[in-house]
């Protein structure tokens, strides 16, 4: 399989990539015993052209991304013990 940029893919090719990535996240979380978290996965080569797939509604994705971006800009990393 040839290595290609996301922006060079057709819509069906990009949909396959995004769906495969989402399945991999879901299966990996299940394998780790993580109980049903919502997620949004961003894929991009150019950060001005990001593609996302999620298992929640659009409003939830926007809220989560905005909150995460705000924390990142303020260098507010959450430390876990």
PDB file of N, CA and C in Angstrom:
ATOM      1  N   UNK A   1       0.846  -1.184   0.000  1.00  0.00           N
ATOM      2  CA  UNK A   1       0.000   0.000   0.000  1.00  0.00           C
ATOM      3  C   UNK A   1       0.890   1.246   0.000  1.00  0.00           C
ATOM      4  N   UNK A   2       0.571   2.178  -0.850  1.00  0.00           N
ATOM      5  CA  UNK A   2       1.347   3.417  -0.956  1.00  0.00           C
ATOM      6  C   UNK A   2       1.037   4.332   0.231  1.00  0.00           C
ATOM      7  N   UNK A   3       2.049   5.038   0.695  1.00  0.00           N
ATOM      8  CA  UNK A   3       1.886   6.013   1.771  1.00  0.00           C
ATOM      9  C   UNK A   3       1.434   7.321   1.138  1.00  0.00           C
ATOM     10  N   UNK A   4       0.297   7.862   1.650  1.00  0.00           N
ATOM     11  CA  UNK A   4      -0.264   9.081   1.070  1.00  0.00           C
ATOM     12  C   UNK A   4      -0.713  10.035   2.166  1.00  0.00           C
ATOM     13  N   UNK A   5      -0.785  11.287   1.830  1.00  0.00           N
ATOM     14  CA  UNK A   5      -1.311  12.289   2.746  1.00  0.00           C
ATOM     15  C   UNK A   5      -2.833  12.193   2.776  1.00  0.00           C
ATOM     16  N   UNK A   6      -3.419  12.542   3.900  1.00  0.00           N
ATOM     17  CA  UNK A   6      -4.870  12.514   4.027  1.00  0.00           C
ATOM     18  C   UNK A   6      -5.543  13.385   2.978  1.00  0.00           C
ATOM     19  N   UNK A   7      -4.965  14.559   2.737  1.00  0.00           N
ATOM     20  CA  UNK A   7      -5.605  15.484   1.789  1.00  0.00           C
ATOM     21  C   UNK A   7      -5.551  15.005   0.345  1.00  0.00           C
ATOM     22  N   UNK A   8      -4.749  13.980   0.062  1.00  0.00           N
ATOM     23  CA  UNK A   8      -4.680  13.425  -1.288  1.00  0.00           C
ATOM     24  C   UNK A   8      -5.634  12.257  -1.490  1.00  0.00           C
ATOM     25  N   UNK A   9      -6.373  11.889  -0.445  1.00  0.00           N
ATOM     26  CA  UNK A   9      -7.293  10.753  -0.532  1.00  0.00           C
ATOM     27  C   UNK A   9      -8.657  11.194  -1.038  1.00  0.00           C
ATOM     28  N   UNK A  10      -9.358  10.259  -1.667  1.00  0.00           N
ATOM     29  CA  UNK A  10     -10.751  10.506  -2.052  1.00  0.00           C
ATOM     30  C   UNK A  10     -11.608  10.419  -0.784  1.00  0.00           C
ATOM     31  N   UNK A  11     -12.825  10.891  -0.858  1.00  0.00           N
ATOM     32  CA  UNK A  11     -13.721  10.817   0.300  1.00  0.00           C
ATOM     33  C   UNK A  11     -13.930   9.375   0.764  1.00  0.00           C
ATOM     34  N   UNK A  12     -14.154   8.412  -0.144  1.00  0.00           N
ATOM     35  CA  UNK A  12     -14.294   7.028   0.330  1.00  0.00           C
ATOM     36  C   UNK A  12     -13.018   6.495   0.997  1.00  0.00           C
ATOM     37  N   UNK A  13     -11.863   6.850   0.486  1.00  0.00           N
ATOM     38  CA  UNK A  13     -10.603   6.410   1.092  1.00  0.00           C
ATOM     39  C   UNK A  13     -10.434   7.016   2.480  1.00  0.00           C
ATOM     40  N   UNK A  14     -10.723   8.303   2.600  1.00  0.00           N
ATOM     41  CA  UNK A  14     -10.602   8.979   3.893  1.00  0.00           C
ATOM     42  C   UNK A  14     -11.593   8.394   4.895  1.00  0.00           C
ATOM     43  N   UNK A  15     -12.798   8.119   4.440  1.00  0.00           N
ATOM     44  CA  UNK A  15     -13.803   7.513   5.326  1.00  0.00           C
ATOM     45  C   UNK A  15     -13.317   6.163   5.836  1.00  0.00           C
ATOM     46  N   UNK A  16     -12.695   5.370   4.984  1.00  0.00           N
ATOM     47  CA  UNK A  16     -12.163   4.073   5.408  1.00  0.00           C
ATOM     48  C   UNK A  16     -11.065   4.237   6.452  1.00  0.00           C
ATOM     49  N   UNK A  17     -10.167   5.195   6.231  1.00  0.00           N
ATOM     50  CA  UNK A  17      -9.091   5.456   7.190  1.00  0.00           C
ATOM     51  C   UNK A  17      -9.675   5.881   8.535  1.00  0.00           C
ATOM     52  N   UNK A  18     -10.608   6.818   8.509  1.00  0.00           N
ATOM     53  CA  UNK A  18     -11.174   7.335   9.751  1.00  0.00           C
ATOM     54  C   UNK A  18     -11.947   6.248  10.494  1.00  0.00           C
ATOM     55  N   UNK A  19     -12.751   5.473   9.785  1.00  0.00           N
ATOM     56  CA  UNK A  19     -13.515   4.408  10.430  1.00  0.00           C
ATOM     57  C   UNK A  19     -12.609   3.322  10.995  1.00  0.00           C
ATOM     58  N   UNK A  20     -11.543   2.987  10.276  1.00  0.00           N
ATOM     59  CA  UNK A  20     -10.587   1.994  10.769  1.00  0.00           C
ATOM     60  C   UNK A  20      -9.905   2.488  12.033  1.00  0.00           C
ATOM     61  N   UNK A  21      -9.518   3.753  12.059  1.00  0.00           N
ATOM     62  CA  UNK A  21      -8.869   4.329  13.242  1.00  0.00           C
ATOM     63  C   UNK A  21      -9.825   4.333  14.431  1.00  0.00           C
ATOM     64  N   UNK A  22     -11.080   4.694  14.204  1.00  0.00           N
ATOM     65  CA  UNK A  22     -12.060   4.718  15.293  1.00  0.00           C
ATOM     66  C   UNK A  22     -12.307   3.315  15.842  1.00  0.00           C
ATOM     67  N   UNK A  23     -12.392   2.331  14.959  1.00  0.00           N
ATOM     68  CA  UNK A  23     -12.551   0.943  15.419  1.00  0.00           C
ATOM     69  C   UNK A  23     -11.354   0.504  16.256  1.00  0.00           C
ATOM     70  N   UNK A  24     -10.153   0.901  15.824  1.00  0.00           N
ATOM     71  CA  UNK A  24      -8.939   0.536  16.560  1.00  0.00           C
ATOM     72  C   UNK A  24      -8.950   1.148  17.963  1.00  0.00           C
ATOM     73  N   UNK A  25      -9.369   2.403  18.066  1.00  0.00           N
ATOM     74  CA  UNK A  25      -9.459   3.052  19.383  1.00  0.00           C
ATOM     75  C   UNK A  25     -10.474   2.320  20.249  1.00  0.00           C
ATOM     76  N   UNK A  26     -11.659   2.069  19.709  1.00  0.00           N
ATOM     77  CA  UNK A  26     -12.714   1.394  20.463  1.00  0.00           C
ATOM     78  C   UNK A  26     -12.258   0.017  20.935  1.00  0.00           C
ATOM     79  N   UNK A  27     -11.672  -0.769  20.033  1.00  0.00           N
ATOM     80  CA  UNK A  27     -11.223  -2.118  20.386  1.00  0.00           C
ATOM     81  C   UNK A  27     -10.092  -2.083  21.409  1.00  0.00           C
ATOM     82  N   UNK A  28      -9.174  -1.139  21.261  1.00  0.00           N
ATOM     83  CA  UNK A  28      -8.067  -1.030  22.219  1.00  0.00           C
ATOM     84  C   UNK A  28      -8.572  -0.678  23.609  1.00  0.00           C
ATOM     85  N   UNK A  29      -9.532   0.236  23.689  1.00  0.00           N
ATOM     86  CA  UNK A  29     -10.082   0.610  24.993  1.00  0.00           C
ATOM     87  C   UNK A  29     -10.810  -0.569  25.625  1.00  0.00           C
ATOM     88  N   UNK A  30     -11.564  -1.306  24.818  1.00  0.00           N
ATOM     89  CA  UNK A  30     -12.259  -2.486  25.331  1.00  0.00           C
ATOM     90  C   UNK A  30     -11.253  -3.515  25.837  1.00  0.00           C
ATOM     91  N   UNK A  31     -10.170  -3.739  25.071  1.00  0.00           N
ATOM     92  CA  UNK A  31      -9.129  -4.693  25.482  1.00  0.00           C
ATOM     93  C   UNK A  31      -8.485  -4.290  26.804  1.00  0.00           C
ATOM     94  N   UNK A  32      -8.406  -2.991  27.058  1.00  0.00           N
ATOM     95  CA  UNK A  32      -7.812  -2.482  28.292  1.00  0.00           C
ATOM     96  C   UNK A  32      -8.812  -2.429  29.441  1.00  0.00           C
ATOM     97  N   UNK A  33     -10.059  -2.790  29.167  1.00  0.00           N
ATOM     98  CA  UNK A  33     -11.084  -2.785  30.200  1.00  0.00           C
ATOM     99  C   UNK A  33     -11.592  -1.405  30.551  1.00  0.00           C
ATOM    100  N   UNK A  34     -11.463  -0.469  29.633  1.00  0.00           N
ATOM    101  CA  UNK A  34     -11.942   0.892  29.867  1.00  0.00           C
ATOM    102  C   UNK A  34     -13.427   0.939  29.506  1.00  0.00           C
ATOM    103  N   UNK A  35     -14.237   1.393  30.447  1.00  0.00           N
ATOM    104  CA  UNK A  35     -15.686   1.375  30.282  1.00  0.00           C
ATOM    105  C   UNK A  35     -16.192   2.585  29.511  1.00  0.00           C
ATOM    106  N   UNK A  36     -16.510   2.375  28.257  1.00  0.00           N
ATOM    107  CA  UNK A  36     -17.230   3.284  27.392  1.00  0.00           C
ATOM    108  C   UNK A  36     -16.924   4.769  27.389  1.00  0.00           C
ATOM    109  N   UNK A  37     -15.671   5.202  27.275  1.00  0.00           N
ATOM    110  CA  UNK A  37     -15.433   6.639  27.199  1.00  0.00           C
ATOM    111  C   UNK A  37     -15.838   7.196  25.836  1.00  0.00           C
ATOM    112  N   UNK A  38     -16.254   8.431  25.845  1.00  0.00           N
ATOM    113  CA  UNK A  38     -16.478   9.125  24.580  1.00  0.00           C
ATOM    114  C   UNK A  38     -15.123   9.551  24.055  1.00  0.00           C
ATOM    115  N   UNK A  39     -14.988   9.626  22.732  1.00  0.00           N
ATOM    116  CA  UNK A  39     -13.719  10.074  22.182  1.00  0.00           C
ATOM    117  C   UNK A  39     -13.943  10.831  20.882  1.00  0.00           C
ATOM    118  N   UNK A  40     -12.976  11.661  20.571  1.00  0.00           N
ATOM    119  CA  UNK A  40     -12.881  12.332  19.277  1.00  0.00           C
ATOM    120  C   UNK A  40     -11.434  12.187  18.847  1.00  0.00           C
ATOM    121  N   UNK A  41     -11.240  11.684  17.665  1.00  0.00           N
ATOM    122  CA  UNK A  41      -9.911  11.448  17.143  1.00  0.00           C
ATOM    123  C   UNK A  41      -9.661  12.411  16.003  1.00  0.00           C
ATOM    124  N   UNK A  42      -8.608  13.226  16.123  1.00  0.00           N
ATOM    125  CA  UNK A  42      -8.215  14.156  15.067  1.00  0.00           C
ATOM    126  C   UNK A  42      -7.082  13.542  14.256  1.00  0.00           C
ATOM    127  N   UNK A  43      -7.193  13.591  12.954  1.00  0.00           N
ATOM    128  CA  UNK A  43      -6.109  13.183  12.061  1.00  0.00           C
ATOM    129  C   UNK A  43      -5.848  14.339  11.113  1.00  0.00           C
ATOM    130  N   UNK A  44      -4.566  14.671  10.948  1.00  0.00           N
ATOM    131  CA  UNK A  44      -4.234  15.763  10.029  1.00  0.00           C
ATOM    132  C   UNK A  44      -2.785  15.673   9.612  1.00  0.00           C
ATOM    133  N   UNK A  45      -2.514  16.175   8.435  1.00  0.00           N
ATOM    134  CA  UNK A  45      -1.145  16.429   7.995  1.00  0.00           C
ATOM    135  C   UNK A  45      -0.876  17.919   8.138  1.00  0.00           C
ATOM    136  N   UNK A  46      -1.859  18.711   7.815  1.00  0.00           N
ATOM    137  CA  UNK A  46      -1.810  20.162   7.938  1.00  0.00           C
ATOM    138  C   UNK A  46      -2.795  20.532   9.050  1.00  0.00           C
ATOM    139  N   UNK A  47      -2.359  21.146  10.150  1.00  0.00           N
ATOM    140  CA  UNK A  47      -3.273  21.436  11.248  1.00  0.00           C
ATOM    141  C   UNK A  47      -4.419  22.374  10.894  1.00  0.00           C
ATOM    142  N   UNK A  48      -4.329  23.028   9.749  1.00  0.00           N
ATOM    143  CA  UNK A  48      -5.446  23.871   9.310  1.00  0.00           C
ATOM    144  C   UNK A  48      -6.532  23.053   8.625  1.00  0.00           C
ATOM    145  N   UNK A  49      -6.254  21.768   8.376  1.00  0.00           N
ATOM    146  CA  UNK A  49      -7.214  20.897   7.694  1.00  0.00           C
ATOM    147  C   UNK A  49      -7.303  19.582   8.478  1.00  0.00           C
ATOM    148  N   UNK A  50      -7.937  19.634   9.626  1.00  0.00           N
ATOM    149  CA  UNK A  50      -8.051  18.446  10.477  1.00  0.00           C
ATOM    150  C   UNK A  50      -9.339  17.704  10.151  1.00  0.00           C
ATOM    151  N   UNK A  51      -9.245  16.391  10.179  1.00  0.00           N
ATOM    152  CA  UNK A  51     -10.408  15.521  10.029  1.00  0.00           C
ATOM    153  C   UNK A  51     -10.649  14.879  11.387  1.00  0.00           C
ATOM    154  N   UNK A  52     -11.923  14.663  11.741  1.00  0.00           N
ATOM    155  CA  UNK A  52     -12.192  14.021  13.022  1.00  0.00           C
ATOM    156  C   UNK A  52     -13.254  12.956  12.864  1.00  0.00           C
ATOM    157  N   UNK A  53     -13.202  12.016  13.786  1.00  0.00           N
ATOM    158  CA  UNK A  53     -14.247  11.015  13.921  1.00  0.00           C
ATOM    159  C   UNK A  53     -14.467  10.857  15.410  1.00  0.00           C
ATOM    160  N   UNK A  54     -15.701  10.617  15.794  1.00  0.00           N
ATOM    161  CA  UNK A  54     -16.000  10.491  17.218  1.00  0.00           C
ATOM    162  C   UNK A  54     -17.147   9.513  17.425  1.00  0.00           C
ATOM    163  N   UNK A  55     -17.333   9.173  18.679  1.00  0.00           N
ATOM    164  CA  UNK A  55     -18.462   8.321  19.035  1.00  0.00           C
ATOM    165  C   UNK A  55     -19.472   9.101  19.876  1.00  0.00           C
ATOM    166  N   UNK A  56     -19.458  10.423  19.729  1.00  0.00           N
ATOM    167  CA  UNK A  56     -20.424  11.260  20.439  1.00  0.00           C
ATOM    168  C   UNK A  56     -20.947  12.342  19.492  1.00  0.00           C
ATOM    169  N   UNK A  57     -21.861  13.144  20.003  1.00  0.00           N
ATOM    170  CA  UNK A  57     -22.463  14.156  19.133  1.00  0.00           C
ATOM    171  C   UNK A  57     -21.507  15.324  18.884  1.00  0.00           C
ATOM    172  N   UNK A  58     -21.790  16.057  17.840  1.00  0.00           N
ATOM    173  CA  UNK A  58     -20.940  17.168  17.399  1.00  0.00           C
ATOM    174  C   UNK A  58     -20.736  18.204  18.500  1.00  0.00           C
ATOM    175  N   UNK A  59     -21.805  18.536  19.234  1.00  0.00           N
ATOM    176  CA  UNK A  59     -21.699  19.523  20.312  1.00  0.00           C
ATOM    177  C   UNK A  59     -20.701  19.058  21.368  1.00  0.00           C
ATOM    178  N   UNK A  60     -20.747  17.779  21.735  1.00  0.00           N
ATOM    179  CA  UNK A  60     -19.815  17.244  22.715  1.00  0.00           C
ATOM    180  C   UNK A  60     -18.372  17.318  22.239  1.00  0.00           C
ATOM    181  N   UNK A  61     -18.159  17.043  20.954  1.00  0.00           N
ATOM    182  CA  UNK A  61     -16.807  17.116  20.384  1.00  0.00           C
ATOM    183  C   UNK A  61     -16.286  18.549  20.445  1.00  0.00           C
ATOM    184  N   UNK A  62     -17.109  19.499  20.047  1.00  0.00           N
ATOM    185  CA  UNK A  62     -16.698  20.905  20.054  1.00  0.00           C
ATOM    186  C   UNK A  62     -16.359  21.351  21.470  1.00  0.00           C
ATOM    187  N   UNK A  63     -17.194  21.004  22.420  1.00  0.00           N
ATOM    188  CA  UNK A  63     -16.954  21.381  23.816  1.00  0.00           C
ATOM    189  C   UNK A  63     -15.659  20.754  24.336  1.00  0.00           C
ATOM    190  N   UNK A  64     -15.466  19.473  24.074  1.00  0.00           N
ATOM    191  CA  UNK A  64     -14.258  18.788  24.545  1.00  0.00           C
ATOM    192  C   UNK A  64     -13.001  19.378  23.911  1.00  0.00           C
ATOM    193  N   UNK A  65     -13.046  19.634  22.594  1.00  0.00           N
ATOM    194  CA  UNK A  65     -11.876  20.208  21.918  1.00  0.00           C
ATOM    195  C   UNK A  65     -11.566  21.605  22.441  1.00  0.00           C
ATOM    196  N   UNK A  66     -12.597  22.406  22.640  1.00  0.00           N
ATOM    197  CA  UNK A  66     -12.387  23.773  23.128  1.00  0.00           C
ATOM    198  C   UNK A  66     -11.786  23.758  24.531  1.00  0.00           C
ATOM    199  N   UNK A  67     -12.325  22.905  25.402  1.00  0.00           N
ATOM    200  CA  UNK A  67     -11.799  22.820  26.762  1.00  0.00           C
ATOM    201  C   UNK A  67     -10.363  22.318  26.757  1.00  0.00           C
ATOM    202  N   UNK A  68     -10.088  21.331  25.938  1.00  0.00           N
ATOM    203  CA  UNK A  68      -8.730  20.790  25.856  1.00  0.00           C
ATOM    204  C   UNK A  68      -7.760  21.842  25.317  1.00  0.00           C
ATOM    205  N   UNK A  69      -8.148  22.544  24.255  1.00  0.00           N
ATOM    206  CA  UNK A  69      -7.287  23.576  23.672  1.00  0.00           C
ATOM    207  C   UNK A  69      -7.010  24.688  24.686  1.00  0.00           C
ATOM    208  N   UNK A  70      -8.042  25.082  25.447  1.00  0.00           N
ATOM    209  CA  UNK A  70      -7.846  26.117  26.469  1.00  0.00           C
ATOM    210  C   UNK A  70      -6.821  25.670  27.508  1.00  0.00           C
ATOM    211  N   UNK A  71      -6.949  24.424  27.979  1.00  0.00           N
ATOM    212  CA  UNK A  71      -5.986  23.917  28.968  1.00  0.00           C
ATOM    213  C   UNK A  71      -4.588  23.825  28.373  1.00  0.00           C
ATOM    214  N   UNK A  72      -4.479  23.379  27.133  1.00  0.00           N
ATOM    215  CA  UNK A  72      -3.167  23.269  26.493  1.00  0.00           C
ATOM    216  C   UNK A  72      -2.499  24.628  26.360  1.00  0.00           C
ATOM    217  N   UNK A  73      -3.282  25.638  25.961  1.00  0.00           N
ATOM    218  CA  UNK A  73      -2.721  26.982  25.806  1.00  0.00           C
ATOM    219  C   UNK A  73      -2.239  27.555  27.127  1.00  0.00           C
ATOM    220  N   UNK A  74      -2.892  27.160  28.232  1.00  0.00           N
ATOM    221  CA  UNK A  74      -2.485  27.640  29.564  1.00  0.00           C
ATOM    222  C   UNK A  74      -1.485  26.698  30.229  1.00  0.00           C
ATOM    223  N   UNK A  75      -1.019  25.680  29.491  1.00  0.00           N
ATOM    224  CA  UNK A  75      -0.095  24.678  30.046  1.00  0.00           C
ATOM    225  C   UNK A  75      -0.635  24.038  31.317  1.00  0.00           C
ATOM    226  N   UNK A  76      -1.917  23.777  31.338  1.00  0.00           N
ATOM    227  CA  UNK A  76      -2.568  23.178  32.496  1.00  0.00           C
ATOM    228  C   UNK A  76      -2.722  21.668  32.262  1.00  0.00           C
ATOM    229  N   UNK A  77      -1.623  20.975  32.343  1.00  0.00           N
ATOM    230  CA  UNK A  77      -1.659  19.528  32.203  1.00  0.00           C
ATOM    231  C   UNK A  77      -2.217  18.908  33.470  1.00  0.00           C
ATOM    232  N   UNK A  78      -3.028  17.890  33.314  1.00  0.00           N
ATOM    233  CA  UNK A  78      -3.579  17.185  34.455  1.00  0.00           C
ATOM    234  C   UNK A  78      -2.627  16.056  34.833  1.00  0.00           C
ATOM    235  N   UNK A  79      -2.103  16.127  36.027  1.00  0.00           N
ATOM    236  CA  UNK A  79      -1.169  15.111  36.518  1.00  0.00           C
ATOM    237  C   UNK A  79      -1.954  14.062  37.312  1.00  0.00           C
ATOM    238  N   UNK A  80      -1.670  12.826  37.070  1.00  0.00           N
ATOM    239  CA  UNK A  80      -2.304  11.738  37.808  1.00  0.00           C
ATOM    240  C   UNK A  80      -1.261  11.020  38.634  1.00  0.00           C
ATOM    241  N   UNK A  81      -1.630  10.616  39.833  1.00  0.00           N
ATOM    242  CA  UNK A  81      -0.712   9.860  40.699  1.00  0.00           C
ATOM    243  C   UNK A  81      -0.799   8.385  40.405  1.00  0.00           C
TER     244      UNK A  81
END
